[in-house]
């Protein structure tokens, strides 16, 4: 059996497979389907300093090979997470990671600071790239200087592993990655959803209440894979790949392209057991191809 251990900064994962924020709740919702302790890490739904109602309905739409969402980071705020959610998830035997978002640098800092006090939360994923909120979010992630500014501020108050989630809705994602690395990011995760829209032609209206939303699912995988490959060659910190992973083959492709770990997102809605299948598939692949560890897959793509 291959050694599937993966390392993201000071955090050790049992294997390189994680679940993406917004697609796996707080983990407990999936406990009837799979053994949560087998997953390398669970990134819980987006959390903000203050409660957030999210966007009005309709805020989800099916698309060919994917989906659009404009949920808008609906959550009950950092204090509620600390008091109500954390006690319920702290005992799960895996890395529980909080996706932190905000509408200003101060709100990012406030939320990150609270997460830093929680013993059993070893890392946060700083979401500077969400395209379905009207303030903050993607605005910070599309410019190297603003991305650097928010990471710099959070790094000052947050001592644990800091993962920064990058937006694909940029001209050069490597520029953003290098900027956040310079400010102390321990890792980057990419990609977040692509900006898209859907139209109801009979009503001549947008399908989503916000007109545009975030596109995810298998349709975005080629774009995500390309950006992971580019970013892994541009930075010296671990890259976490996500975007359209629906099988172990997809996960291996991301790792060969340079990802040290992967996140499974939209496909959790289709197959609640997908993360376990991907873990087993990576192990089988390593054994068949003579890789002693999953680490050896990272960047092993043969390019002439």
C-alpha atoms as a PDB file:
ATOM      1  CA  UNK A   1       0.000   0.000   0.000  1.00  0.00           C
ATOM      2  CA  UNK A   2       1.321   3.428  -0.942  1.00  0.00           C
ATOM      3  CA  UNK A   3       1.995   6.165   1.600  1.00  0.00           C
ATOM      4  CA  UNK A   4      -0.815   8.618   0.861  1.00  0.00           C
ATOM      5  CA  UNK A   5       0.283  11.237   3.392  1.00  0.00           C
ATOM      6  CA  UNK A   6       0.198  14.813   2.139  1.00  0.00           C
ATOM      7  CA  UNK A   7       1.574  17.950   3.783  1.00  0.00           C
ATOM      8  CA  UNK A   8       0.259  21.478   3.505  1.00  0.00           C
ATOM      9  CA  UNK A   9       2.567  23.724   5.485  1.00  0.00           C
ATOM     10  CA  UNK A  10       2.626  22.416   9.064  1.00  0.00           C
ATOM     11  CA  UNK A  11      -0.563  20.402   8.511  1.00  0.00           C
ATOM     12  CA  UNK A  12      -0.382  16.690   7.752  1.00  0.00           C
ATOM     13  CA  UNK A  13      -3.193  15.000   5.830  1.00  0.00           C
ATOM     14  CA  UNK A  14      -3.827  11.249   5.925  1.00  0.00           C
ATOM     15  CA  UNK A  15      -4.238  11.428   2.174  1.00  0.00           C
ATOM     16  CA  UNK A  16      -4.396  14.204  -0.433  1.00  0.00           C
ATOM     17  CA  UNK A  17      -8.188  14.214  -0.784  1.00  0.00           C
ATOM     18  CA  UNK A  18     -10.282  16.973   0.764  1.00  0.00           C
ATOM     19  CA  UNK A  19     -13.844  18.170   0.320  1.00  0.00           C
ATOM     20  CA  UNK A  20     -14.439  21.664  -1.032  1.00  0.00           C
ATOM     21  CA  UNK A  21     -16.189  24.405   0.889  1.00  0.00           C
ATOM     22  CA  UNK A  22     -19.866  24.845   0.146  1.00  0.00           C
ATOM     23  CA  UNK A  23     -20.323  21.293  -1.090  1.00  0.00           C
ATOM     24  CA  UNK A  24     -19.986  19.259   2.102  1.00  0.00           C
ATOM     25  CA  UNK A  25     -21.750  21.319   4.750  1.00  0.00           C
ATOM     26  CA  UNK A  26     -19.941  20.959   8.052  1.00  0.00           C
ATOM     27  CA  UNK A  27     -19.094  17.321   7.347  1.00  0.00           C
ATOM     28  CA  UNK A  28     -21.711  15.925   9.705  1.00  0.00           C
ATOM     29  CA  UNK A  29     -24.297  15.987   6.935  1.00  0.00           C
ATOM     30  CA  UNK A  30     -22.343  13.231   5.156  1.00  0.00           C
ATOM     31  CA  UNK A  31     -21.579  11.062   8.184  1.00  0.00           C
ATOM     32  CA  UNK A  32     -24.368   8.607   7.342  1.00  0.00           C
ATOM     33  CA  UNK A  33     -22.794   7.925   3.952  1.00  0.00           C
ATOM     34  CA  UNK A  34     -19.053   7.675   4.607  1.00  0.00           C
ATOM     35  CA  UNK A  35     -16.458   7.356   7.348  1.00  0.00           C
ATOM     36  CA  UNK A  36     -15.400  11.006   7.682  1.00  0.00           C
ATOM     37  CA  UNK A  37     -12.134  10.020   9.344  1.00  0.00           C
ATOM     38  CA  UNK A  38     -10.893   8.550   6.070  1.00  0.00           C
ATOM     39  CA  UNK A  39     -10.864  11.938   4.318  1.00  0.00           C
ATOM     40  CA  UNK A  40      -7.654  13.970   4.322  1.00  0.00           C
ATOM     41  CA  UNK A  41      -9.491  17.159   5.208  1.00  0.00           C
ATOM     42  CA  UNK A  42     -12.947  18.705   5.281  1.00  0.00           C
ATOM     43  CA  UNK A  43     -13.299  22.367   4.365  1.00  0.00           C
ATOM     44  CA  UNK A  44     -16.516  23.560   5.914  1.00  0.00           C
ATOM     45  CA  UNK A  45     -18.918  26.020   4.335  1.00  0.00           C
ATOM     46  CA  UNK A  46     -17.937  29.667   4.025  1.00  0.00           C
ATOM     47  CA  UNK A  47     -17.926  31.582   7.289  1.00  0.00           C
ATOM     48  CA  UNK A  48     -17.993  35.356   7.706  1.00  0.00           C
ATOM     49  CA  UNK A  49     -17.506  37.597  10.734  1.00  0.00           C
ATOM     50  CA  UNK A  50     -21.188  38.548  10.830  1.00  0.00           C
ATOM     51  CA  UNK A  51     -24.305  36.517   9.882  1.00  0.00           C
ATOM     52  CA  UNK A  52     -25.129  36.637   6.194  1.00  0.00           C
ATOM     53  CA  UNK A  53     -28.513  35.983   4.603  1.00  0.00           C
ATOM     54  CA  UNK A  54     -27.159  35.173   1.172  1.00  0.00           C
ATOM     55  CA  UNK A  55     -28.812  36.011  -2.117  1.00  0.00           C
ATOM     56  CA  UNK A  56     -32.526  35.658  -2.884  1.00  0.00           C
ATOM     57  CA  UNK A  57     -33.843  32.687  -4.854  1.00  0.00           C
ATOM     58  CA  UNK A  58     -33.423  31.426  -7.473  1.00  0.00           C
ATOM     59  CA  UNK A  59     -29.752  31.003  -6.748  1.00  0.00           C
ATOM     60  CA  UNK A  60     -28.873  27.649  -8.292  1.00  0.00           C
ATOM     61  CA  UNK A  61     -29.173  26.416 -11.860  1.00  0.00           C
ATOM     62  CA  UNK A  62     -28.145  23.234 -13.643  1.00  0.00           C
ATOM     63  CA  UNK A  63     -25.985  23.637 -16.733  1.00  0.00           C
ATOM     64  CA  UNK A  64     -24.502  21.132 -19.183  1.00  0.00           C
ATOM     65  CA  UNK A  65     -21.824  19.195 -17.233  1.00  0.00           C
ATOM     66  CA  UNK A  66     -22.049  21.552 -14.297  1.00  0.00           C
ATOM     67  CA  UNK A  67     -24.019  23.971 -12.187  1.00  0.00           C
ATOM     68  CA  UNK A  68     -24.297  27.666 -11.430  1.00  0.00           C
ATOM     69  CA  UNK A  69     -24.670  28.911  -7.895  1.00  0.00           C
ATOM     70  CA  UNK A  70     -25.265  32.328  -6.389  1.00  0.00           C
ATOM     71  CA  UNK A  71     -25.871  31.311  -2.779  1.00  0.00           C
ATOM     72  CA  UNK A  72     -23.919  34.316  -1.551  1.00  0.00           C
ATOM     73  CA  UNK A  73     -22.081  32.813   1.435  1.00  0.00           C
ATOM     74  CA  UNK A  74     -25.190  32.347   3.566  1.00  0.00           C
ATOM     75  CA  UNK A  75     -24.093  31.509   7.112  1.00  0.00           C
ATOM     76  CA  UNK A  76     -24.832  32.451  10.717  1.00  0.00           C
ATOM     77  CA  UNK A  77     -21.499  34.128  11.406  1.00  0.00           C
ATOM     78  CA  UNK A  78     -18.239  33.383  13.197  1.00  0.00           C
ATOM     79  CA  UNK A  79     -19.650  33.593  16.741  1.00  0.00           C
ATOM     80  CA  UNK A  80     -22.343  31.049  15.921  1.00  0.00           C
ATOM     81  CA  UNK A  81     -19.702  28.777  14.394  1.00  0.00           C
ATOM     82  CA  UNK A  82     -17.546  28.986  17.512  1.00  0.00           C
ATOM     83  CA  UNK A  83     -20.434  28.346  19.932  1.00  0.00           C
ATOM     84  CA  UNK A  84     -22.623  25.878  18.032  1.00  0.00           C
ATOM     85  CA  UNK A  85     -20.776  24.248  15.125  1.00  0.00           C
ATOM     86  CA  UNK A  86     -17.262  23.852  16.480  1.00  0.00           C
ATOM     87  CA  UNK A  87     -18.277  21.728  19.494  1.00  0.00           C
ATOM     88  CA  UNK A  88     -20.116  19.365  17.147  1.00  0.00           C
ATOM     89  CA  UNK A  89     -17.249  18.894  14.673  1.00  0.00           C
ATOM     90  CA  UNK A  90     -14.147  19.186  16.835  1.00  0.00           C
ATOM     91  CA  UNK A  91     -14.107  15.442  17.453  1.00  0.00           C
ATOM     92  CA  UNK A  92     -14.101  14.406  13.793  1.00  0.00           C
ATOM     93  CA  UNK A  93     -10.821  12.575  13.185  1.00  0.00           C
ATOM     94  CA  UNK A  94      -9.571  14.570  10.231  1.00  0.00           C
ATOM     95  CA  UNK A  95      -8.380  18.085   9.460  1.00  0.00           C
ATOM     96  CA  UNK A  96     -11.350  20.413   9.862  1.00  0.00           C
ATOM     97  CA  UNK A  97     -10.618  23.587   7.909  1.00  0.00           C
ATOM     98  CA  UNK A  98     -12.751  26.728   7.885  1.00  0.00           C
ATOM     99  CA  UNK A  99     -13.335  28.684   4.689  1.00  0.00           C
ATOM    100  CA  UNK A 100     -13.134  32.342   5.748  1.00  0.00           C
ATOM    101  CA  UNK A 101     -14.630  35.151   3.710  1.00  0.00           C
ATOM    102  CA  UNK A 102     -15.408  38.826   4.188  1.00  0.00           C
ATOM    103  CA  UNK A 103     -16.510  42.060   2.580  1.00  0.00           C
ATOM    104  CA  UNK A 104     -13.578  44.123   3.857  1.00  0.00           C
ATOM    105  CA  UNK A 105     -10.098  43.532   5.196  1.00  0.00           C
ATOM    106  CA  UNK A 106     -11.341  44.170   8.725  1.00  0.00           C
ATOM    107  CA  UNK A 107     -14.042  41.498   8.460  1.00  0.00           C
ATOM    108  CA  UNK A 108     -11.569  38.967   7.039  1.00  0.00           C
ATOM    109  CA  UNK A 109      -9.224  39.699   9.938  1.00  0.00           C
ATOM    110  CA  UNK A 110     -11.989  39.479  12.554  1.00  0.00           C
ATOM    111  CA  UNK A 111     -13.178  36.093  11.324  1.00  0.00           C
ATOM    112  CA  UNK A 112      -9.674  34.652  10.917  1.00  0.00           C
ATOM    113  CA  UNK A 113      -8.712  35.804  14.405  1.00  0.00           C
ATOM    114  CA  UNK A 114     -11.645  33.919  15.933  1.00  0.00           C
ATOM    115  CA  UNK A 115     -10.828  30.763  13.992  1.00  0.00           C
ATOM    116  CA  UNK A 116      -7.256  30.974  15.223  1.00  0.00           C
ATOM    117  CA  UNK A 117      -8.396  30.439  18.818  1.00  0.00           C
ATOM    118  CA  UNK A 118      -9.941  27.028  18.042  1.00  0.00           C
ATOM    119  CA  UNK A 119      -7.585  24.193  18.969  1.00  0.00           C
ATOM    120  CA  UNK A 120      -8.989  21.632  16.567  1.00  0.00           C
ATOM    121  CA  UNK A 121      -9.071  23.890  13.506  1.00  0.00           C
ATOM    122  CA  UNK A 122      -5.519  23.566  12.103  1.00  0.00           C
ATOM    123  CA  UNK A 123      -6.013  25.798   9.072  1.00  0.00           C
ATOM    124  CA  UNK A 124      -8.249  28.272   7.313  1.00  0.00           C
ATOM    125  CA  UNK A 125      -8.886  28.679   3.619  1.00  0.00           C
ATOM    126  CA  UNK A 126      -9.060  32.389   2.860  1.00  0.00           C
ATOM    127  CA  UNK A 127     -11.682  32.923   0.189  1.00  0.00           C
ATOM    128  CA  UNK A 128     -10.633  35.988  -1.776  1.00  0.00           C
ATOM    129  CA  UNK A 129     -12.244  34.681  -4.926  1.00  0.00           C
ATOM    130  CA  UNK A 130     -15.972  34.018  -4.551  1.00  0.00           C
ATOM    131  CA  UNK A 131     -17.847  35.412  -7.586  1.00  0.00           C
ATOM    132  CA  UNK A 132     -21.363  35.328  -6.142  1.00  0.00           C
ATOM    133  CA  UNK A 133     -21.256  38.057  -3.532  1.00  0.00           C
ATOM    134  CA  UNK A 134     -21.743  41.726  -4.264  1.00  0.00           C
ATOM    135  CA  UNK A 135     -19.023  43.036  -1.950  1.00  0.00           C
ATOM    136  CA  UNK A 136     -15.531  41.768  -1.261  1.00  0.00           C
ATOM    137  CA  UNK A 137     -14.876  38.244  -2.405  1.00  0.00           C
ATOM    138  CA  UNK A 138     -13.695  38.289  -5.973  1.00  0.00           C
ATOM    139  CA  UNK A 139     -12.803  41.982  -5.802  1.00  0.00           C
ATOM    140  CA  UNK A 140      -9.826  41.075  -3.591  1.00  0.00           C
ATOM    141  CA  UNK A 141      -8.857  38.069  -5.674  1.00  0.00           C
ATOM    142  CA  UNK A 142      -8.601  39.628  -9.127  1.00  0.00           C
ATOM    143  CA  UNK A 143      -5.813  42.100  -8.351  1.00  0.00           C
ATOM    144  CA  UNK A 144      -2.362  41.136  -7.050  1.00  0.00           C
ATOM    145  CA  UNK A 145      -2.054  44.210  -4.817  1.00  0.00           C
ATOM    146  CA  UNK A 146      -5.451  43.761  -3.122  1.00  0.00           C
ATOM    147  CA  UNK A 147      -4.914  40.007  -2.749  1.00  0.00           C
ATOM    148  CA  UNK A 148      -1.568  40.698  -1.112  1.00  0.00           C
ATOM    149  CA  UNK A 149      -3.121  43.316   1.167  1.00  0.00           C
ATOM    150  CA  UNK A 150      -5.786  41.038   2.638  1.00  0.00           C
ATOM    151  CA  UNK A 151      -3.370  38.111   3.045  1.00  0.00           C
ATOM    152  CA  UNK A 152      -0.836  40.375   4.759  1.00  0.00           C
ATOM    153  CA  UNK A 153      -3.466  41.574   7.225  1.00  0.00           C
ATOM    154  CA  UNK A 154      -4.744  38.067   8.004  1.00  0.00           C
ATOM    155  CA  UNK A 155      -1.239  36.646   8.331  1.00  0.00           C
ATOM    156  CA  UNK A 156      -0.513  39.137  11.124  1.00  0.00           C
ATOM    157  CA  UNK A 157      -3.304  37.731  13.314  1.00  0.00           C
ATOM    158  CA  UNK A 158      -3.549  34.114  12.175  1.00  0.00           C
ATOM    159  CA  UNK A 159      -0.652  31.832  13.274  1.00  0.00           C
ATOM    160  CA  UNK A 160      -1.762  28.507  11.808  1.00  0.00           C
ATOM    161  CA  UNK A 161      -1.803  27.127   8.252  1.00  0.00           C
ATOM    162  CA  UNK A 162      -3.117  29.711   5.810  1.00  0.00           C
ATOM    163  CA  UNK A 163      -4.505  28.481   2.482  1.00  0.00           C
ATOM    164  CA  UNK A 164      -5.585  31.151   0.001  1.00  0.00           C
ATOM    165  CA  UNK A 165      -8.289  30.271  -2.522  1.00  0.00           C
ATOM    166  CA  UNK A 166      -7.688  31.884  -5.901  1.00  0.00           C
ATOM    167  CA  UNK A 167     -10.084  33.143  -8.540  1.00  0.00           C
ATOM    168  CA  UNK A 168      -9.855  31.886 -12.140  1.00  0.00           C
ATOM    169  CA  UNK A 169     -11.515  35.094 -13.334  1.00  0.00           C
ATOM    170  CA  UNK A 170      -8.180  36.811 -13.909  1.00  0.00           C
ATOM    171  CA  UNK A 171      -5.745  37.338 -16.766  1.00  0.00           C
ATOM    172  CA  UNK A 172      -2.760  35.716 -15.029  1.00  0.00           C
ATOM    173  CA  UNK A 173      -3.442  33.560 -11.976  1.00  0.00           C
ATOM    174  CA  UNK A 174       0.274  33.050 -11.338  1.00  0.00           C
ATOM    175  CA  UNK A 175       0.676  36.749 -10.593  1.00  0.00           C
ATOM    176  CA  UNK A 176      -1.927  36.509  -7.822  1.00  0.00           C
ATOM    177  CA  UNK A 177      -0.377  33.283  -6.504  1.00  0.00           C
ATOM    178  CA  UNK A 178       3.081  34.811  -6.257  1.00  0.00           C
ATOM    179  CA  UNK A 179       1.666  37.884  -4.521  1.00  0.00           C
ATOM    180  CA  UNK A 180      -0.061  35.894  -1.746  1.00  0.00           C
ATOM    181  CA  UNK A 181       2.944  33.599  -1.366  1.00  0.00           C
ATOM    182  CA  UNK A 182       5.113  36.668  -0.736  1.00  0.00           C
ATOM    183  CA  UNK A 183       2.744  37.755   2.053  1.00  0.00           C
ATOM    184  CA  UNK A 184       2.932  34.482   3.937  1.00  0.00           C
ATOM    185  CA  UNK A 185       0.368  32.119   2.429  1.00  0.00           C
ATOM    186  CA  UNK A 186       1.285  28.510   3.241  1.00  0.00           C
ATOM    187  CA  UNK A 187      -0.629  27.176   0.240  1.00  0.00           C
ATOM    188  CA  UNK A 188      -2.951  28.212  -2.567  1.00  0.00           C
ATOM    189  CA  UNK A 189      -6.100  26.384  -3.634  1.00  0.00           C
ATOM    190  CA  UNK A 190      -7.500  26.750  -7.126  1.00  0.00           C
ATOM    191  CA  UNK A 191      -9.745  27.181  -8.849  1.00  0.00           C
ATOM    192  CA  UNK A 192     -12.835  28.760  -7.400  1.00  0.00           C
ATOM    193  CA  UNK A 193     -15.849  28.918  -9.687  1.00  0.00           C
ATOM    194  CA  UNK A 194     -15.818  30.617 -13.065  1.00  0.00           C
ATOM    195  CA  UNK A 195     -18.180  33.530 -13.550  1.00  0.00           C
ATOM    196  CA  UNK A 196     -21.157  32.468 -15.677  1.00  0.00           C
ATOM    197  CA  UNK A 197     -24.849  33.014 -16.301  1.00  0.00           C
ATOM    198  CA  UNK A 198     -27.958  31.296 -17.598  1.00  0.00           C
ATOM    199  CA  UNK A 199     -30.951  32.744 -19.435  1.00  0.00           C
ATOM    200  CA  UNK A 200     -34.580  31.602 -19.484  1.00  0.00           C
ATOM    201  CA  UNK A 201     -35.394  32.349 -23.122  1.00  0.00           C
ATOM    202  CA  UNK A 202     -39.168  31.913 -22.746  1.00  0.00           C
ATOM    203  CA  UNK A 203     -39.339  34.524 -19.984  1.00  0.00           C
ATOM    204  CA  UNK A 204     -36.419  36.507 -21.444  1.00  0.00           C
ATOM    205  CA  UNK A 205     -34.944  36.743 -17.957  1.00  0.00           C
ATOM    206  CA  UNK A 206     -31.800  35.566 -16.188  1.00  0.00           C
ATOM    207  CA  UNK A 207     -32.265  32.264 -14.368  1.00  0.00           C
ATOM    208  CA  UNK A 208     -30.375  33.472 -11.283  1.00  0.00           C
ATOM    209  CA  UNK A 209     -31.624  36.344  -9.141  1.00  0.00           C
ATOM    210  CA  UNK A 210     -28.138  37.851  -9.274  1.00  0.00           C
ATOM    211  CA  UNK A 211     -27.904  37.424 -13.086  1.00  0.00           C
ATOM    212  CA  UNK A 212     -24.421  35.896 -12.818  1.00  0.00           C
ATOM    213  CA  UNK A 213     -23.073  33.179 -10.555  1.00  0.00           C
ATOM    214  CA  UNK A 214     -20.283  30.689 -10.079  1.00  0.00           C
ATOM    215  CA  UNK A 215     -19.905  27.857 -12.593  1.00  0.00           C
ATOM    216  CA  UNK A 216     -18.570  24.543 -11.268  1.00  0.00           C
ATOM    217  CA  UNK A 217     -18.570  20.871 -12.195  1.00  0.00           C
ATOM    218  CA  UNK A 218     -16.803  18.753 -14.827  1.00  0.00           C
ATOM    219  CA  UNK A 219     -17.135  21.488 -17.452  1.00  0.00           C
ATOM    220  CA  UNK A 220     -14.510  23.630 -15.679  1.00  0.00           C
ATOM    221  CA  UNK A 221     -11.889  20.892 -15.266  1.00  0.00           C
ATOM    222  CA  UNK A 222      -9.730  21.701 -18.321  1.00  0.00           C
ATOM    223  CA  UNK A 223      -9.450  25.328 -17.214  1.00  0.00           C
ATOM    224  CA  UNK A 224      -8.702  24.339 -13.610  1.00  0.00           C
ATOM    225  CA  UNK A 225      -6.109  21.792 -14.663  1.00  0.00           C
ATOM    226  CA  UNK A 226      -4.314  24.337 -16.834  1.00  0.00           C
ATOM    227  CA  UNK A 227      -4.245  26.908 -14.040  1.00  0.00           C
ATOM    228  CA  UNK A 228      -2.963  24.389 -11.489  1.00  0.00           C
ATOM    229  CA  UNK A 229      -0.163  23.407 -13.854  1.00  0.00           C
ATOM    230  CA  UNK A 230       0.798  27.043 -14.408  1.00  0.00           C
ATOM    231  CA  UNK A 231       0.636  27.953 -10.727  1.00  0.00           C
ATOM    232  CA  UNK A 232       2.602  24.939  -9.505  1.00  0.00           C
ATOM    233  CA  UNK A 233       5.466  26.045 -11.752  1.00  0.00           C
ATOM    234  CA  UNK A 234       5.296  29.622 -10.451  1.00  0.00           C
ATOM    235  CA  UNK A 235       5.296  29.211  -6.640  1.00  0.00           C
ATOM    236  CA  UNK A 236       7.219  27.244  -4.032  1.00  0.00           C
ATOM    237  CA  UNK A 237       4.288  26.544  -1.725  1.00  0.00           C
ATOM    238  CA  UNK A 238       1.911  23.575  -2.094  1.00  0.00           C
ATOM    239  CA  UNK A 239      -0.882  23.927  -4.633  1.00  0.00           C
ATOM    240  CA  UNK A 240      -4.271  22.367  -3.885  1.00  0.00           C
ATOM    241  CA  UNK A 241      -6.184  21.575  -7.070  1.00  0.00           C
ATOM    242  CA  UNK A 242      -9.930  21.641  -7.523  1.00  0.00           C
ATOM    243  CA  UNK A 243     -12.463  22.219 -10.246  1.00  0.00           C
ATOM    244  CA  UNK A 244     -14.542  19.478 -11.835  1.00  0.00           C
ATOM    245  CA  UNK A 245     -12.979  16.465 -10.117  1.00  0.00           C
ATOM    246  CA  UNK A 246     -15.402  13.578 -10.558  1.00  0.00           C
ATOM    247  CA  UNK A 247     -13.151  10.502 -10.383  1.00  0.00           C
ATOM    248  CA  UNK A 248      -9.806   9.250  -9.172  1.00  0.00           C
ATOM    249  CA  UNK A 249      -8.473   9.765 -12.699  1.00  0.00           C
ATOM    250  CA  UNK A 250      -9.321  13.456 -12.444  1.00  0.00           C
ATOM    251  CA  UNK A 251      -7.583  13.708  -9.075  1.00  0.00           C
ATOM    252  CA  UNK A 252      -4.448  11.992 -10.374  1.00  0.00           C
ATOM    253  CA  UNK A 253      -4.404  14.350 -13.358  1.00  0.00           C
ATOM    254  CA  UNK A 254      -4.370  17.353 -11.005  1.00  0.00           C
ATOM    255  CA  UNK A 255      -1.561  15.848  -8.969  1.00  0.00           C
ATOM    256  CA  UNK A 256       0.505  15.034 -12.038  1.00  0.00           C
ATOM    257  CA  UNK A 257       0.005  18.657 -13.099  1.00  0.00           C
ATOM    258  CA  UNK A 258       1.518  19.822  -9.807  1.00  0.00           C
ATOM    259  CA  UNK A 259      -1.130  19.638  -7.068  1.00  0.00           C
ATOM    260  CA  UNK A 260       0.017  18.364  -3.677  1.00  0.00           C
ATOM    261  CA  UNK A 261      -3.614  17.708  -2.716  1.00  0.00           C
ATOM    262  CA  UNK A 262      -7.064  18.021  -4.250  1.00  0.00           C
ATOM    263  CA  UNK A 263     -10.554  19.071  -3.264  1.00  0.00           C
ATOM    264  CA  UNK A 264     -13.760  17.476  -4.484  1.00  0.00           C
ATOM    265  CA  UNK A 265     -16.681  19.854  -4.795  1.00  0.00           C
ATOM    266  CA  UNK A 266     -19.774  19.673  -6.977  1.00  0.00           C
ATOM    267  CA  UNK A 267     -19.554  15.897  -7.435  1.00  0.00           C
ATOM    268  CA  UNK A 268     -20.322  15.423  -3.723  1.00  0.00           C
ATOM    269  CA  UNK A 269     -23.917  16.300  -4.630  1.00  0.00           C
ATOM    270  CA  UNK A 270     -24.012  13.449  -7.158  1.00  0.00           C
ATOM    271  CA  UNK A 271     -22.130  10.765  -5.250  1.00  0.00           C
ATOM    272  CA  UNK A 272     -21.678  11.238  -1.474  1.00  0.00           C
ATOM    273  CA  UNK A 273     -19.041   8.474  -1.496  1.00  0.00           C
ATOM    274  CA  UNK A 274     -16.869  10.044  -4.197  1.00  0.00           C
ATOM    275  CA  UNK A 275     -14.083  11.158  -1.840  1.00  0.00           C
ATOM    276  CA  UNK A 276     -13.546   7.604  -0.567  1.00  0.00           C
ATOM    277  CA  UNK A 277     -13.555   6.240  -4.128  1.00  0.00           C
ATOM    278  CA  UNK A 278     -10.945   8.810  -5.121  1.00  0.00           C
ATOM    279  CA  UNK A 279      -8.719   7.952  -2.138  1.00  0.00           C
ATOM    280  CA  UNK A 280      -8.859   4.248  -3.028  1.00  0.00           C
ATOM    281  CA  UNK A 281      -8.260   5.032  -6.690  1.00  0.00           C
ATOM    282  CA  UNK A 282      -5.137   7.089  -5.966  1.00  0.00           C
ATOM    283  CA  UNK A 283      -3.795   4.252  -3.828  1.00  0.00           C
ATOM    284  CA  UNK A 284      -4.434   1.690  -6.572  1.00  0.00           C
ATOM    285  CA  UNK A 285      -2.819   3.957  -9.178  1.00  0.00           C
ATOM    286  CA  UNK A 286       0.320   4.374  -7.058  1.00  0.00           C
ATOM    287  CA  UNK A 287       0.585   0.622  -6.569  1.00  0.00           C
ATOM    288  CA  UNK A 288       0.095  -0.159 -10.260  1.00  0.00           C
ATOM    289  CA  UNK A 289       2.627   2.417 -11.435  1.00  0.00           C
ATOM    290  CA  UNK A 290       5.266   1.819  -8.800  1.00  0.00           C
ATOM    291  CA  UNK A 291       4.863   5.041  -6.822  1.00  0.00           C
ATOM    292  CA  UNK A 292       5.744   4.519  -3.172  1.00  0.00           C
ATOM    293  CA  UNK A 293       3.870   7.597  -2.075  1.00  0.00           C
ATOM    294  CA  UNK A 294       1.279  10.065  -3.287  1.00  0.00           C
ATOM    295  CA  UNK A 295       3.914  12.807  -2.976  1.00  0.00           C
ATOM    296  CA  UNK A 296       5.722  11.262  -5.921  1.00  0.00           C
ATOM    297  CA  UNK A 297       2.720  11.977  -8.156  1.00  0.00           C
ATOM    298  CA  UNK A 298       2.961  15.719  -7.620  1.00  0.00           C
ATOM    299  CA  UNK A 299       4.404  17.311 -10.740  1.00  0.00           C
ATOM    300  CA  UNK A 300       5.241  13.960 -12.362  1.00  0.00           C
ATOM    301  CA  UNK A 301       3.643  14.973 -15.665  1.00  0.00           C
ATOM    302  CA  UNK A 302       5.847  14.153 -18.658  1.00  0.00           C
ATOM    303  CA  UNK A 303       6.080  17.283 -20.785  1.00  0.00           C
ATOM    304  CA  UNK A 304       8.398  17.468 -23.784  1.00  0.00           C
END
